[in-house]
N, C-alpha and C. Protein backbone atom coordinates (compact mmCIF):
# COMPACT_ATOMS: atom_id res chain seq x y z
N UNK A 1 0.81 -1.20 0.00
CA UNK A 1 0.00 0.00 0.00
C UNK A 1 0.85 1.26 0.00
N UNK A 2 1.97 1.22 0.68
CA UNK A 2 2.80 2.42 0.77
C UNK A 2 3.34 2.81 -0.61
N UNK A 3 3.63 1.83 -1.47
CA UNK A 3 4.16 2.15 -2.78
C UNK A 3 3.09 2.73 -3.70
N UNK A 4 1.84 2.48 -3.42
CA UNK A 4 0.75 3.05 -4.22
C UNK A 4 0.57 4.52 -3.89
N UNK A 5 0.82 4.89 -2.64
CA UNK A 5 0.68 6.26 -2.18
C UNK A 5 2.01 6.71 -1.58
N UNK A 6 3.05 6.90 -2.42
CA UNK A 6 4.39 7.16 -1.90
C UNK A 6 4.52 8.51 -1.20
N UNK A 7 5.21 8.48 -0.09
CA UNK A 7 5.63 9.65 0.71
C UNK A 7 4.59 10.76 0.83
N UNK A 8 3.36 10.41 0.77
CA UNK A 8 2.33 11.43 0.88
C UNK A 8 1.15 10.80 1.59
N UNK A 9 0.68 11.47 2.59
CA UNK A 9 -0.49 10.97 3.33
C UNK A 9 -1.73 11.24 2.48
N UNK A 10 -2.50 10.20 2.20
CA UNK A 10 -3.70 10.41 1.40
C UNK A 10 -4.64 11.40 2.08
N UNK A 11 -5.23 12.26 1.28
CA UNK A 11 -6.11 13.29 1.82
C UNK A 11 -7.46 12.72 2.24
N UNK A 12 -7.90 11.73 1.52
CA UNK A 12 -9.22 11.16 1.77
C UNK A 12 -9.20 10.24 2.99
N UNK A 13 -10.13 10.46 3.90
CA UNK A 13 -10.25 9.59 5.08
C UNK A 13 -10.63 8.18 4.65
N UNK A 14 -11.45 8.06 3.60
CA UNK A 14 -11.82 6.73 3.09
C UNK A 14 -10.60 5.97 2.59
N UNK A 15 -9.71 6.66 1.92
CA UNK A 15 -8.48 6.01 1.44
C UNK A 15 -7.62 5.58 2.62
N UNK A 16 -7.46 6.46 3.60
CA UNK A 16 -6.66 6.11 4.79
C UNK A 16 -7.25 4.91 5.52
N UNK A 17 -8.58 4.90 5.66
CA UNK A 17 -9.25 3.78 6.33
C UNK A 17 -9.05 2.48 5.56
N UNK A 18 -9.20 2.55 4.26
CA UNK A 18 -9.02 1.35 3.43
C UNK A 18 -7.58 0.85 3.48
N UNK A 19 -6.63 1.78 3.46
CA UNK A 19 -5.22 1.38 3.56
C UNK A 19 -4.91 0.73 4.90
N UNK A 20 -5.49 1.28 5.96
CA UNK A 20 -5.28 0.68 7.29
C UNK A 20 -5.85 -0.74 7.33
N UNK A 21 -7.06 -0.92 6.77
CA UNK A 21 -7.66 -2.26 6.73
C UNK A 21 -6.81 -3.20 5.90
N UNK A 22 -6.34 -2.73 4.76
CA UNK A 22 -5.52 -3.57 3.89
C UNK A 22 -4.23 -3.99 4.59
N UNK A 23 -3.57 -3.04 5.21
CA UNK A 23 -2.30 -3.32 5.88
C UNK A 23 -2.49 -4.23 7.09
N UNK A 24 -3.46 -3.91 7.93
CA UNK A 24 -3.66 -4.73 9.14
C UNK A 24 -4.10 -6.14 8.77
N UNK A 25 -4.92 -6.26 7.74
CA UNK A 25 -5.38 -7.60 7.31
C UNK A 25 -4.23 -8.41 6.73
N UNK A 26 -3.32 -7.76 6.02
CA UNK A 26 -2.16 -8.46 5.48
C UNK A 26 -1.26 -8.98 6.61
N UNK A 27 -1.06 -8.15 7.63
CA UNK A 27 -0.27 -8.60 8.78
C UNK A 27 -0.96 -9.75 9.52
N UNK A 28 -2.29 -9.64 9.67
CA UNK A 28 -3.04 -10.71 10.32
C UNK A 28 -2.95 -12.00 9.51
N UNK A 29 -3.05 -11.89 8.19
CA UNK A 29 -2.96 -13.06 7.32
C UNK A 29 -1.61 -13.74 7.49
N UNK A 30 -0.55 -12.95 7.51
CA UNK A 30 0.78 -13.51 7.71
C UNK A 30 0.87 -14.23 9.05
N UNK A 31 0.33 -13.63 10.08
CA UNK A 31 0.36 -14.23 11.41
C UNK A 31 -0.43 -15.53 11.46
N UNK A 32 -1.61 -15.52 10.84
CA UNK A 32 -2.44 -16.73 10.84
C UNK A 32 -1.78 -17.86 10.06
N UNK A 33 -1.13 -17.52 8.96
CA UNK A 33 -0.44 -18.55 8.18
C UNK A 33 0.71 -19.16 8.95
N UNK A 34 1.39 -18.33 9.75
CA UNK A 34 2.47 -18.87 10.58
C UNK A 34 1.93 -19.85 11.62
N UNK A 35 0.73 -19.59 12.12
CA UNK A 35 0.13 -20.49 13.10
C UNK A 35 -0.13 -21.87 12.52
N UNK A 36 -0.34 -21.93 11.21
CA UNK A 36 -0.62 -23.21 10.56
C UNK A 36 0.59 -24.11 10.52
N UNK A 37 1.78 -23.51 10.63
CA UNK A 37 2.99 -24.32 10.65
C UNK A 37 3.12 -24.99 12.02
N UNK A 38 3.26 -26.28 12.04
CA UNK A 38 3.34 -26.96 13.34
C UNK A 38 4.62 -26.58 14.08
N UNK A 39 4.44 -26.21 15.32
CA UNK A 39 5.60 -25.94 16.18
C UNK A 39 6.17 -27.29 16.61
N UNK A 40 7.46 -27.32 16.76
CA UNK A 40 8.07 -28.60 17.11
C UNK A 40 7.55 -29.13 18.44
N UNK A 41 7.77 -28.42 19.53
CA UNK A 41 7.15 -28.90 20.76
C UNK A 41 5.79 -28.22 20.92
N UNK A 42 4.88 -28.88 21.54
CA UNK A 42 3.59 -28.25 21.82
C UNK A 42 2.47 -28.83 20.99
N UNK A 43 1.26 -28.38 21.30
CA UNK A 43 0.09 -28.92 20.62
C UNK A 43 0.00 -28.45 19.16
N UNK A 44 -0.63 -29.27 18.36
CA UNK A 44 -0.86 -28.91 16.95
C UNK A 44 -1.88 -27.79 16.88
N UNK A 45 -1.77 -26.94 15.90
CA UNK A 45 -2.73 -25.84 15.77
C UNK A 45 -4.12 -26.36 15.38
N UNK A 46 -5.13 -25.62 15.74
CA UNK A 46 -6.50 -25.94 15.34
C UNK A 46 -6.66 -25.46 13.90
N UNK A 47 -6.47 -26.38 12.97
CA UNK A 47 -6.44 -26.02 11.55
C UNK A 47 -7.77 -25.43 11.09
N UNK A 48 -8.88 -25.90 11.63
CA UNK A 48 -10.17 -25.35 11.23
C UNK A 48 -10.28 -23.87 11.64
N UNK A 49 -9.84 -23.56 12.84
CA UNK A 49 -9.87 -22.17 13.31
C UNK A 49 -8.92 -21.30 12.48
N UNK A 50 -7.72 -21.80 12.24
CA UNK A 50 -6.74 -21.05 11.45
C UNK A 50 -7.30 -20.82 10.04
N UNK A 51 -7.92 -21.83 9.46
CA UNK A 51 -8.51 -21.68 8.13
C UNK A 51 -9.58 -20.61 8.11
N UNK A 52 -10.44 -20.59 9.12
CA UNK A 52 -11.48 -19.56 9.21
C UNK A 52 -10.87 -18.17 9.31
N UNK A 53 -9.81 -18.05 10.09
CA UNK A 53 -9.14 -16.76 10.24
C UNK A 53 -8.48 -16.32 8.94
N UNK A 54 -7.87 -17.25 8.22
CA UNK A 54 -7.24 -16.94 6.93
C UNK A 54 -8.29 -16.48 5.94
N UNK A 55 -9.43 -17.15 5.91
CA UNK A 55 -10.52 -16.76 5.02
C UNK A 55 -11.00 -15.35 5.36
N UNK A 56 -11.15 -15.05 6.64
CA UNK A 56 -11.59 -13.71 7.06
C UNK A 56 -10.57 -12.66 6.66
N UNK A 57 -9.29 -12.93 6.85
CA UNK A 57 -8.24 -11.98 6.46
C UNK A 57 -8.27 -11.74 4.95
N UNK A 58 -8.40 -12.83 4.19
CA UNK A 58 -8.45 -12.70 2.73
C UNK A 58 -9.66 -11.87 2.31
N UNK A 59 -10.78 -12.08 2.96
CA UNK A 59 -11.98 -11.29 2.67
C UNK A 59 -11.73 -9.81 2.97
N UNK A 60 -11.12 -9.52 4.12
CA UNK A 60 -10.85 -8.13 4.50
C UNK A 60 -9.88 -7.47 3.52
N UNK A 61 -8.89 -8.22 3.03
CA UNK A 61 -7.95 -7.69 2.05
C UNK A 61 -8.69 -7.36 0.75
N UNK A 62 -9.53 -8.28 0.30
CA UNK A 62 -10.29 -8.05 -0.93
C UNK A 62 -11.22 -6.86 -0.77
N UNK A 63 -11.85 -6.75 0.38
CA UNK A 63 -12.77 -5.63 0.65
C UNK A 63 -12.02 -4.30 0.60
N UNK A 64 -10.87 -4.23 1.24
CA UNK A 64 -10.09 -3.00 1.26
C UNK A 64 -9.60 -2.66 -0.14
N UNK A 65 -9.16 -3.66 -0.88
CA UNK A 65 -8.68 -3.42 -2.25
C UNK A 65 -9.82 -2.89 -3.12
N UNK A 66 -10.99 -3.47 -2.97
CA UNK A 66 -12.15 -3.01 -3.74
C UNK A 66 -12.50 -1.57 -3.38
N UNK A 67 -12.44 -1.25 -2.10
CA UNK A 67 -12.72 0.12 -1.66
C UNK A 67 -11.73 1.10 -2.29
N UNK A 68 -10.45 0.73 -2.30
CA UNK A 68 -9.43 1.60 -2.88
C UNK A 68 -9.63 1.79 -4.38
N UNK A 69 -9.96 0.71 -5.08
CA UNK A 69 -10.21 0.82 -6.52
C UNK A 69 -11.41 1.72 -6.77
N UNK A 70 -12.47 1.53 -6.02
CA UNK A 70 -13.68 2.33 -6.19
C UNK A 70 -13.39 3.81 -5.92
N UNK A 71 -12.69 4.08 -4.84
CA UNK A 71 -12.39 5.47 -4.46
C UNK A 71 -11.49 6.13 -5.50
N UNK A 72 -10.41 5.47 -5.88
CA UNK A 72 -9.48 6.08 -6.83
C UNK A 72 -10.10 6.22 -8.22
N UNK A 73 -10.96 5.30 -8.61
CA UNK A 73 -11.66 5.41 -9.88
C UNK A 73 -12.57 6.64 -9.88
N UNK A 74 -13.30 6.82 -8.79
CA UNK A 74 -14.18 7.99 -8.69
C UNK A 74 -13.37 9.28 -8.70
N UNK A 75 -12.25 9.30 -7.96
CA UNK A 75 -11.42 10.51 -7.91
C UNK A 75 -10.82 10.82 -9.28
N UNK A 76 -10.42 9.80 -10.00
CA UNK A 76 -9.80 10.02 -11.32
C UNK A 76 -10.82 10.45 -12.37
N UNK A 77 -12.09 10.09 -12.17
CA UNK A 77 -13.13 10.46 -13.12
C UNK A 77 -13.69 11.86 -12.85
N UNK A 78 -13.34 12.44 -11.72
CA UNK A 78 -13.85 13.79 -11.39
C UNK A 78 -12.91 14.87 -11.84
């Protein structure tokens, strides 16, 4: 997201909100995927729960991306 809006804070609150959702969801997705890797000692991860969390993160990423496309398309057409 930072490379799409380089060195400049987006003026639109909707863009900032969408970027925050996109970034936080990407970090959450990375964290959830790491949980799926079995740790050597300790209990195995609950794969069903991890899968649900990964699906939710992917949904949030897609939602934020769609919001950004919609916002930037509208701004470019005005």
